[in-house]
Amino acid sequence: MARELLKGNYAIIKGAALAGCRHYFGYPITPASEIAEAAAYYFPLIGGTFIQAESEVAAINMVYGAAGGGIRVMTASSSPGISLKMEGVSYAASAELPIVIADIMRGGPGLGNIAPEQADYNQVVKGGGHGSYKNIVLAPNCAQEMCDLTIKAFDLAFKYRNPAWILTDGYIGQMMEAVEFPEPKMDISREDWALYGDTESKHNLISSIDLIPEELEQRNIRLIKKYAEVEKNEILFEDYKTDDADVVVIGYGIVSRMLKTVVQKMREEGYKVGLFRPITLFPFPKPQIRALIDKGKKLFVAELSDGQMVEDVRLINEGKTSIDFYNRMGGMVPSPEELEEQVKKLFD
């Protein structure tokens, strides 16, 4: 396995290339611009395509068209740019197209700033565009996972014919770490649903429109059944020292790394603390968190938002145990010492 020191944003593109992706359509925005930069450099070298579209709206529709041809394609952006892509994402979800999108979250709302935040959770995990649909959402917390989970995103997107996302904060996108790369995926098969511009595929119809209400309802019912299969089969999480813990801290992205440091330090001081990290935000690891609740453990959730993921934890909890919440916003990332101070209050 090759090993390289590089930014998380670059690891996404190298992971995409190893997953068989050869086409990128996008528009630059900080702190996600290195993804476009890496795609512009690497994809032409391996026979692929990079196009900087005239806008985020144009980019997502290029992705829609390419995905309809059965090829592995992706785009990326950061929070305001993601907002512009959401109509196209809804279309892709309805047409059941396997597209991959990376969102490297920054401070908001509005133009905000270019510092790390996690306030796109609701927008991405809950759909974001119009209509009833769900995205598959993977949340890496290091450069290695930026590569590995991008590969996983392509596998899941094609397995379920559904948009799949890499959702993380600007900190993880900009952080440089060593990454080990797996062997490239070589067995890219022809898809029986796609349009290849030949006689065999000319009868395939890819569309997001159903003008007859009964038919549109059946489309939605089919999608709901698919999402149930995703929830049943595809949950990913990290469980660290939770077995004997009295308090379990929960976070994703850069916050989870801070929280792991807190757990390690407090364990040295004799506190029974554990970490639970959702890696899939949809499907959300409800059974695993419910099991922690049923064991009577106190929960502490930290986010770089006004409190979005914590709402999903509260829905699972149903008032059974104590859930404490701590947040920072506007690009402010708490230090491990700051988080430790908050966690220790639960032992008073």
Protein backbone atom coordinates (compact mmCIF):
# COMPACT_ATOMS: atom_id res chain seq x y z
CA MET A 1 0.00 0.00 0.00
CA ALA A 2 1.31 3.43 -0.96
CA ARG A 3 1.70 5.93 1.89
CA GLU A 4 1.64 9.72 1.52
CA LEU A 5 1.39 12.85 3.66
CA LEU A 6 -1.40 15.04 2.31
CA LYS A 7 -4.47 17.11 3.15
CA GLY A 8 -7.79 15.46 3.79
CA ASN A 9 -9.24 17.24 0.77
CA TYR A 10 -6.61 15.66 -1.48
CA ALA A 11 -7.25 12.26 0.10
CA ILE A 12 -10.87 12.48 -1.10
CA ILE A 13 -9.82 12.71 -4.75
CA LYS A 14 -7.22 9.97 -4.47
CA GLY A 15 -9.83 7.77 -2.81
CA ALA A 16 -12.32 8.61 -5.55
CA ALA A 17 -9.81 7.68 -8.26
CA LEU A 18 -9.09 4.36 -6.52
CA ALA A 19 -12.85 3.75 -6.40
CA GLY A 20 -13.06 4.07 -10.17
CA CYS A 21 -14.22 7.69 -10.38
CA ARG A 22 -12.82 9.53 -13.39
CA HIS A 23 -15.10 12.56 -13.68
CA TYR A 24 -15.43 15.65 -11.49
CA PHE A 25 -17.66 18.66 -12.08
CA GLY A 26 -17.52 21.46 -9.55
CA TYR A 27 -16.89 25.03 -8.55
CA PRO A 28 -14.24 26.12 -6.02
CA ILE A 29 -15.06 27.37 -2.52
CA THR A 30 -12.98 27.56 0.65
CA PRO A 31 -12.34 25.30 2.58
CA ALA A 32 -13.15 22.69 -0.10
CA SER A 33 -11.17 24.14 -3.02
CA GLU A 34 -8.29 21.65 -2.80
CA ILE A 35 -10.74 18.91 -3.82
CA ALA A 36 -11.31 20.65 -7.16
CA GLU A 37 -7.59 21.41 -7.40
CA ALA A 38 -6.68 17.75 -6.89
CA ALA A 39 -9.33 16.59 -9.38
CA ALA A 40 -8.06 19.09 -11.96
CA TYR A 41 -4.55 17.69 -11.58
CA TYR A 42 -5.09 13.94 -11.20
CA PHE A 43 -8.17 13.03 -13.24
CA PRO A 44 -6.77 14.09 -16.66
CA LEU A 45 -3.64 12.04 -15.88
CA ILE A 46 -5.74 8.88 -15.60
CA GLY A 47 -7.94 9.51 -18.62
CA GLY A 48 -10.67 11.32 -16.73
CA THR A 49 -12.42 14.67 -16.89
CA PHE A 50 -12.34 17.79 -14.75
CA ILE A 51 -14.66 20.67 -15.57
CA GLN A 52 -14.97 23.82 -13.53
CA ALA A 53 -18.60 24.68 -14.15
CA GLU A 54 -19.95 28.21 -14.29
CA SER A 55 -21.82 27.66 -11.02
CA GLU A 56 -22.71 25.10 -8.37
CA VAL A 57 -26.10 24.67 -10.02
CA ALA A 58 -24.47 23.80 -13.33
CA ALA A 59 -22.01 21.44 -11.64
CA ILE A 60 -24.64 19.29 -9.92
CA ASN A 61 -26.60 18.97 -13.15
CA MET A 62 -23.46 17.86 -14.99
CA VAL A 63 -23.03 15.24 -12.27
CA TYR A 64 -26.66 14.17 -12.78
CA GLY A 65 -26.12 13.69 -16.50
CA ALA A 66 -22.86 11.79 -16.11
CA ALA A 67 -24.32 9.50 -13.46
CA GLY A 68 -27.17 8.69 -15.83
CA GLY A 69 -24.51 7.24 -18.11
CA GLY A 70 -23.55 4.74 -15.42
CA ILE A 71 -20.13 6.25 -14.72
CA ARG A 72 -18.57 7.06 -11.36
CA VAL A 73 -18.74 10.83 -10.89
CA MET A 74 -18.51 13.29 -8.02
CA THR A 75 -18.58 16.90 -6.96
CA ALA A 76 -17.73 18.83 -3.80
CA SER A 77 -18.37 22.17 -2.18
CA SER A 78 -18.75 23.90 1.15
CA SER A 79 -21.86 25.11 2.94
CA PRO A 80 -23.18 28.01 0.76
CA GLY A 81 -22.26 26.09 -2.39
CA ILE A 82 -24.01 22.97 -1.10
CA SER A 83 -27.20 25.00 -0.68
CA LEU A 84 -27.12 25.80 -4.39
CA LYS A 85 -26.72 22.14 -5.34
CA MET A 86 -29.72 20.88 -3.39
CA GLU A 87 -32.31 21.01 -6.17
CA GLY A 88 -30.10 18.78 -8.30
CA VAL A 89 -29.53 16.41 -5.38
CA SER A 90 -33.29 16.01 -4.96
CA TYR A 91 -33.57 15.21 -8.68
CA ALA A 92 -30.78 12.63 -8.40
CA ALA A 93 -32.38 10.99 -5.36
CA SER A 94 -35.69 10.67 -7.20
CA ALA A 95 -34.03 9.34 -10.36
CA GLU A 96 -31.99 6.95 -8.15
CA LEU A 97 -28.62 8.06 -9.49
CA PRO A 98 -25.40 7.02 -7.71
CA ILE A 99 -23.63 10.35 -7.20
CA VAL A 100 -21.02 11.23 -4.58
CA ILE A 101 -20.79 14.69 -3.02
CA ALA A 102 -18.31 16.03 -0.46
CA ASP A 103 -19.34 18.87 1.85
CA ILE A 104 -16.47 20.45 3.79
CA MET A 105 -18.49 22.54 6.22
CA ARG A 106 -17.69 26.15 7.06
CA GLY A 107 -19.15 28.81 9.34
CA GLY A 108 -22.61 30.18 8.62
CA PRO A 109 -25.40 31.01 8.10
CA GLY A 110 -25.13 33.14 4.96
CA LEU A 111 -21.64 33.64 3.59
CA GLY A 112 -20.37 33.28 7.16
CA ASN A 113 -16.64 32.59 7.17
CA ILE A 114 -14.17 29.92 6.07
CA ALA A 115 -13.58 28.41 9.53
CA PRO A 116 -14.76 24.89 10.51
CA GLU A 117 -18.36 24.29 11.54
CA GLN A 118 -20.88 21.42 11.57
CA ALA A 119 -24.10 23.29 10.90
CA ASP A 120 -24.85 21.54 7.57
CA TYR A 121 -25.96 18.40 9.44
CA ASN A 122 -29.68 19.07 9.00
CA GLN A 123 -29.24 20.17 5.40
CA VAL A 124 -27.38 17.03 4.34
CA VAL A 125 -28.63 14.32 6.72
CA LYS A 126 -32.28 15.32 6.59
CA GLY A 127 -32.39 15.75 2.81
CA GLY A 128 -31.85 19.44 2.19
CA GLY A 129 -33.71 19.62 -1.09
CA HIS A 130 -37.44 19.33 -1.72
CA GLY A 131 -39.45 16.15 -1.34
CA SER A 132 -39.15 13.00 0.75
CA TYR A 133 -35.71 11.50 0.24
CA LYS A 134 -32.59 10.57 2.19
CA ASN A 135 -28.87 10.75 1.51
CA ILE A 136 -26.33 8.19 2.61
CA VAL A 137 -23.96 10.27 4.77
CA LEU A 138 -20.45 9.30 5.91
CA ALA A 139 -18.56 11.46 8.41
CA PRO A 140 -14.75 11.04 8.39
CA ASN A 141 -12.60 12.44 11.20
CA CYS A 142 -9.12 12.05 9.66
CA ALA A 143 -7.34 12.10 6.31
CA GLN A 144 -7.25 8.30 6.18
CA GLU A 145 -11.02 8.16 6.46
CA MET A 146 -11.36 10.91 3.86
CA CYS A 147 -9.86 8.36 1.45
CA ASP A 148 -11.47 5.19 2.81
CA LEU A 149 -14.97 6.58 3.25
CA THR A 150 -14.93 8.15 -0.20
CA ILE A 151 -14.31 4.68 -1.60
CA LYS A 152 -17.10 3.40 0.63
CA ALA A 153 -19.39 6.21 -0.57
CA PHE A 154 -19.04 5.09 -4.19
CA ASP A 155 -19.71 1.47 -3.24
CA LEU A 156 -22.86 2.42 -1.33
CA ALA A 157 -24.04 4.89 -3.97
CA PHE A 158 -23.99 2.16 -6.61
CA LYS A 159 -25.26 -0.58 -4.30
CA TYR A 160 -28.39 1.41 -3.49
CA ARG A 161 -28.49 3.78 -6.49
CA ASN A 162 -28.59 6.78 -4.20
CA PRO A 163 -26.66 9.99 -3.52
CA ALA A 164 -23.88 9.40 -0.99
CA TRP A 165 -22.08 12.15 0.90
CA ILE A 166 -18.80 12.80 2.63
CA LEU A 167 -19.70 15.28 5.38
CA THR A 168 -16.98 16.79 7.51
CA ASP A 169 -15.69 20.13 8.73
CA GLY A 170 -13.05 22.45 7.35
CA TYR A 171 -10.56 21.30 9.98
CA ILE A 172 -10.50 17.73 8.63
CA GLY A 173 -10.39 18.96 5.03
CA GLN A 174 -7.35 21.14 5.67
CA MET A 175 -5.47 18.86 8.07
CA MET A 176 -2.38 17.06 6.73
CA GLU A 177 -1.84 13.45 7.81
CA ALA A 178 -0.29 10.26 6.50
CA VAL A 179 -2.66 8.18 4.37
CA GLU A 180 -2.22 4.59 3.19
CA PHE A 181 -3.93 3.90 -0.12
CA PRO A 182 -5.50 0.55 -1.05
CA GLU A 183 -5.32 -1.12 -4.43
CA PRO A 184 -7.49 0.51 -7.12
CA LYS A 185 -10.89 -0.86 -8.00
CA MET A 186 -10.61 -2.36 -11.48
CA ASP A 187 -13.87 -4.30 -11.90
CA ILE A 188 -16.18 -1.44 -12.92
CA SER A 189 -19.12 -3.26 -14.43
CA ARG A 190 -21.78 -2.07 -16.86
CA GLU A 191 -25.01 -1.01 -15.13
CA ASP A 192 -28.22 -2.48 -16.54
CA TRP A 193 -30.24 0.67 -15.66
CA ALA A 194 -27.91 3.25 -17.24
CA LEU A 195 -27.94 5.01 -20.62
CA TYR A 196 -24.81 4.26 -22.64
CA GLY A 197 -25.95 5.65 -25.99
CA ASP A 198 -26.23 2.21 -27.56
CA THR A 199 -28.96 -0.14 -28.71
CA GLU A 200 -28.85 -2.25 -25.57
CA SER A 201 -29.55 0.67 -23.21
CA LYS A 202 -31.75 2.88 -25.37
CA HIS A 203 -34.94 1.80 -23.57
CA ASN A 204 -33.67 2.88 -20.13
CA LEU A 205 -35.51 5.90 -18.83
CA ILE A 206 -33.94 8.09 -16.15
CA SER A 207 -36.21 10.83 -14.87
CA SER A 208 -37.38 12.45 -11.65
CA ILE A 209 -40.83 13.38 -12.90
CA ASP A 210 -44.09 11.47 -12.31
CA LEU A 211 -47.09 13.55 -13.33
CA ILE A 212 -49.58 10.89 -12.20
CA PRO A 213 -50.02 11.11 -8.40
CA GLU A 214 -50.49 7.36 -7.97
CA GLU A 215 -47.22 6.67 -9.76
CA LEU A 216 -45.32 9.30 -7.78
CA GLU A 217 -46.63 7.81 -4.55
CA GLN A 218 -45.35 4.39 -5.62
CA ARG A 219 -41.95 5.92 -6.38
CA ASN A 220 -41.83 7.36 -2.86
CA ILE A 221 -42.87 4.03 -1.34
CA ARG A 222 -40.07 2.31 -3.24
CA LEU A 223 -37.56 4.88 -1.99
CA ILE A 224 -38.72 4.47 1.61
CA LYS A 225 -38.21 0.70 1.38
CA LYS A 226 -34.69 1.30 0.05
CA TYR A 227 -33.84 3.64 2.91
CA ALA A 228 -35.03 0.99 5.37
CA GLU A 229 -32.57 -1.46 3.80
CA VAL A 230 -29.77 1.09 4.18
CA GLU A 231 -30.66 1.55 7.85
CA LYS A 232 -30.69 -2.21 8.38
CA ASN A 233 -27.37 -2.97 6.72
CA GLU A 234 -25.00 0.00 6.59
CA ILE A 235 -24.48 1.52 10.07
CA LEU A 236 -20.88 2.43 10.88
CA PHE A 237 -19.58 3.75 14.21
CA GLU A 238 -16.60 3.89 16.57
CA ASP A 239 -17.09 2.64 20.12
CA TYR A 240 -14.20 3.53 22.48
CA LYS A 241 -14.09 2.45 26.13
CA THR A 242 -17.88 2.59 26.59
CA ASP A 243 -18.35 -0.82 28.26
CA ASP A 244 -17.66 0.33 31.83
CA ALA A 245 -18.23 4.06 31.24
CA ASP A 246 -20.56 6.08 33.43
CA VAL A 247 -20.53 8.92 30.90
CA VAL A 248 -20.35 8.48 27.12
CA VAL A 249 -19.35 11.48 25.01
CA ILE A 250 -20.70 11.68 21.44
CA GLY A 251 -19.35 13.68 18.51
CA TYR A 252 -18.22 13.44 14.90
CA GLY A 253 -15.59 15.10 12.71
CA ILE A 254 -12.94 17.17 14.47
CA VAL A 255 -15.03 17.24 17.66
CA SER A 256 -14.72 13.46 18.00
CA ARG A 257 -10.95 13.75 17.99
CA MET A 258 -11.03 16.34 20.75
CA LEU A 259 -13.41 14.12 22.71
CA LYS A 260 -11.15 11.09 22.35
CA THR A 261 -8.32 13.09 23.89
CA VAL A 262 -10.67 14.00 26.74
CA VAL A 263 -11.54 10.33 27.30
CA GLN A 264 -7.89 9.29 27.36
CA LYS A 265 -6.91 12.04 29.80
CA MET A 266 -9.89 11.53 32.12
CA ARG A 267 -9.31 7.77 32.15
CA GLU A 268 -5.80 8.45 33.44
CA GLU A 269 -7.41 10.48 36.23
CA GLY A 270 -9.79 7.66 37.15
CA TYR A 271 -12.97 8.89 35.47
CA LYS A 272 -15.04 6.26 33.67
CA VAL A 273 -15.66 8.00 30.35
CA GLY A 274 -16.13 6.52 26.89
CA LEU A 275 -16.54 7.83 23.34
CA PHE A 276 -19.21 6.96 20.80
CA ARG A 277 -18.63 8.33 17.29
CA PRO A 278 -21.25 8.00 14.55
CA ILE A 279 -19.45 7.37 11.26
CA THR A 280 -22.67 7.08 9.27
CA LEU A 281 -24.96 10.02 10.02
CA PHE A 282 -27.54 8.36 7.82
CA PRO A 283 -28.08 5.64 8.66
CA PHE A 284 -27.73 7.02 12.19
CA PRO A 285 -26.55 4.39 14.71
CA LYS A 286 -29.82 4.36 16.65
CA PRO A 287 -29.62 0.77 17.99
CA GLN A 288 -26.11 1.28 19.35
CA ILE A 289 -26.96 4.56 21.08
CA ARG A 290 -30.19 3.08 22.41
CA ALA A 291 -28.14 0.24 23.94
CA LEU A 292 -25.98 2.79 25.78
CA ILE A 293 -29.12 4.51 27.05
CA ASP A 294 -30.65 1.22 28.20
CA LYS A 295 -27.51 0.59 30.27
CA GLY A 296 -28.17 3.85 32.12
CA LYS A 297 -25.15 5.75 30.88
CA LYS A 298 -25.16 9.54 30.90
CA LEU A 299 -24.62 11.08 27.47
CA PHE A 300 -22.67 14.20 26.55
CA VAL A 301 -22.99 15.52 22.97
CA ALA A 302 -20.68 18.18 21.52
CA GLU A 303 -21.13 19.89 18.15
CA LEU A 304 -19.96 22.88 16.14
CA SER A 305 -23.55 24.01 15.57
CA ASP A 306 -26.63 25.24 17.38
CA GLY A 307 -27.51 21.61 18.17
CA GLN A 308 -28.47 19.45 15.20
CA MET A 309 -27.12 15.94 15.69
CA VAL A 310 -28.06 16.16 19.36
CA GLU A 311 -31.72 16.26 18.31
CA ASP A 312 -31.37 12.78 16.82
CA VAL A 313 -29.81 11.56 20.06
CA ARG A 314 -32.69 13.06 22.05
CA LEU A 315 -35.24 11.32 19.83
CA ILE A 316 -33.59 7.99 20.61
CA ASN A 317 -33.39 8.79 24.31
CA GLU A 318 -37.11 9.45 24.86
CA GLY A 319 -36.29 11.04 28.21
CA LYS A 320 -34.69 7.90 29.68
CA THR A 321 -31.27 9.27 30.67
CA SER A 322 -29.38 12.50 31.11
CA ILE A 323 -28.17 14.18 27.90
CA ASP A 324 -25.87 17.16 28.27
CA PHE A 325 -25.00 19.31 25.27
CA TYR A 326 -22.10 21.65 24.59
CA ASN A 327 -21.51 23.63 21.43
CA ARG A 328 -19.43 26.28 19.75
CA MET A 329 -20.39 28.12 16.55
CA GLY A 330 -19.07 30.53 13.95
CA GLY A 331 -15.92 28.52 13.33
CA MET A 332 -14.88 28.31 16.99
CA VAL A 333 -13.46 24.84 17.77
CA PRO A 334 -13.30 23.92 21.48
CA SER A 335 -10.03 22.71 22.94
CA PRO A 336 -9.80 19.34 24.72
CA GLU A 337 -9.34 21.25 27.98
CA GLU A 338 -12.56 23.18 27.38
CA LEU A 339 -14.47 19.98 26.68
CA GLU A 340 -12.92 18.19 29.65
CA GLU A 341 -14.13 20.96 31.95
CA GLN A 342 -17.69 20.44 30.68
CA VAL A 343 -17.56 16.63 30.95
CA LYS A 344 -16.25 16.73 34.52
CA LYS A 345 -19.37 18.63 35.57
CA LEU A 346 -21.33 15.42 34.98
CA PHE A 347 -19.37 13.75 37.79
CA ASP A 348 -20.07 16.47 40.39
